[in-house]
Protein backbone atom coordinates (compact mmCIF):
# COMPACT_ATOMS: atom_id res chain seq x y z
CA MET A 1 9.50 -5.20 39.45
CA THR A 2 8.38 -3.40 42.60
CA ASP A 3 7.47 0.27 42.39
CA LEU A 4 9.13 1.82 45.43
CA ASP A 5 6.29 4.30 45.80
CA ASP A 6 3.90 1.36 46.32
CA ASP A 7 6.11 -0.69 48.66
CA GLN A 8 4.84 0.05 52.17
CA ALA A 9 7.73 -1.85 53.74
CA PHE A 10 10.38 0.25 52.01
CA GLY A 11 10.40 2.95 54.69
CA ALA A 12 10.43 0.36 57.46
CA ARG A 13 13.48 -1.32 55.90
CA LEU A 14 15.20 2.05 55.58
CA ARG A 15 14.51 2.73 59.27
CA ALA A 16 15.72 -0.73 60.28
CA GLU A 17 18.94 -0.26 58.32
CA ARG A 18 19.54 3.16 59.92
CA VAL A 19 19.13 1.58 63.35
CA ARG A 20 21.43 -1.31 62.38
CA LEU A 21 24.08 1.24 61.39
CA GLY A 22 23.68 2.94 64.78
CA LEU A 23 22.76 6.29 63.24
CA ALA A 24 20.24 8.85 64.46
CA VAL A 25 17.74 10.32 61.99
CA HIS A 26 19.69 13.56 61.72
CA GLU A 27 22.99 11.72 61.16
CA LEU A 28 21.72 9.67 58.22
CA ALA A 29 19.91 12.67 56.78
CA HIS A 30 23.15 14.67 56.88
CA LEU A 31 25.18 11.86 55.29
CA CYS A 32 22.68 11.68 52.42
CA GLY A 33 22.39 15.44 51.97
CA ARG A 34 18.88 15.77 53.39
CA VAL A 35 17.20 17.55 56.28
CA ASP A 36 15.75 15.58 59.19
CA ILE A 37 12.11 15.95 58.17
CA LEU A 38 12.75 14.36 54.76
CA GLN A 39 14.53 11.41 56.40
CA LYS A 40 11.58 10.95 58.75
CA ARG A 41 9.12 11.06 55.85
CA TYR A 42 11.14 8.52 53.87
CA GLU A 43 11.08 6.19 56.86
CA GLU A 44 7.35 6.72 57.41
CA GLY A 45 6.71 5.86 53.78
CA SER A 46 4.92 9.16 53.25
CA LEU A 47 7.43 10.47 50.70
CA PRO A 48 8.98 8.65 47.73
CA ILE A 49 12.72 8.10 48.08
CA PRO A 50 14.68 9.57 45.16
CA ALA A 51 17.49 7.71 43.42
CA ASP A 52 20.11 10.32 44.36
CA TYR A 53 19.34 9.67 48.03
CA LEU A 54 19.94 5.93 47.54
CA GLN A 55 23.17 6.67 45.67
CA ALA A 56 24.42 8.85 48.54
CA LEU A 57 23.35 6.19 51.03
CA HIS A 58 25.39 3.59 49.13
CA ARG A 59 28.46 5.83 48.75
CA ARG A 60 28.60 7.16 52.30
CA THR A 61 27.50 4.23 54.47
CA ASP A 62 27.67 0.47 54.70
CA ALA A 63 23.92 0.27 54.20
CA ARG A 64 22.51 -2.77 52.43
CA VAL A 65 20.80 -0.72 49.73
CA MET A 66 19.62 -3.72 47.71
CA TRP A 67 17.92 -5.13 50.81
CA ILE A 68 16.29 -1.76 51.49
CA VAL A 69 15.00 -1.60 47.94
CA SER A 70 13.97 -5.20 47.40
CA GLY A 71 13.61 -6.78 50.82
CA ASP A 72 15.83 -9.66 49.65
């Protein structure tokens, strides 16, 4: 099992999925109940992504959350 805090590609996949959805940083942050700077840090991989963020991402978008998490 991959620890998300140790997966350097996690943030890059999150960024790629945001771009695929056609959303700006501030738009995805708002949809997931976050401020822009947290979204940027998640995408940079400099801040662990909490489960409630992933739940909001799944509920409010068509994001491929399992791909973001696992890379598969």
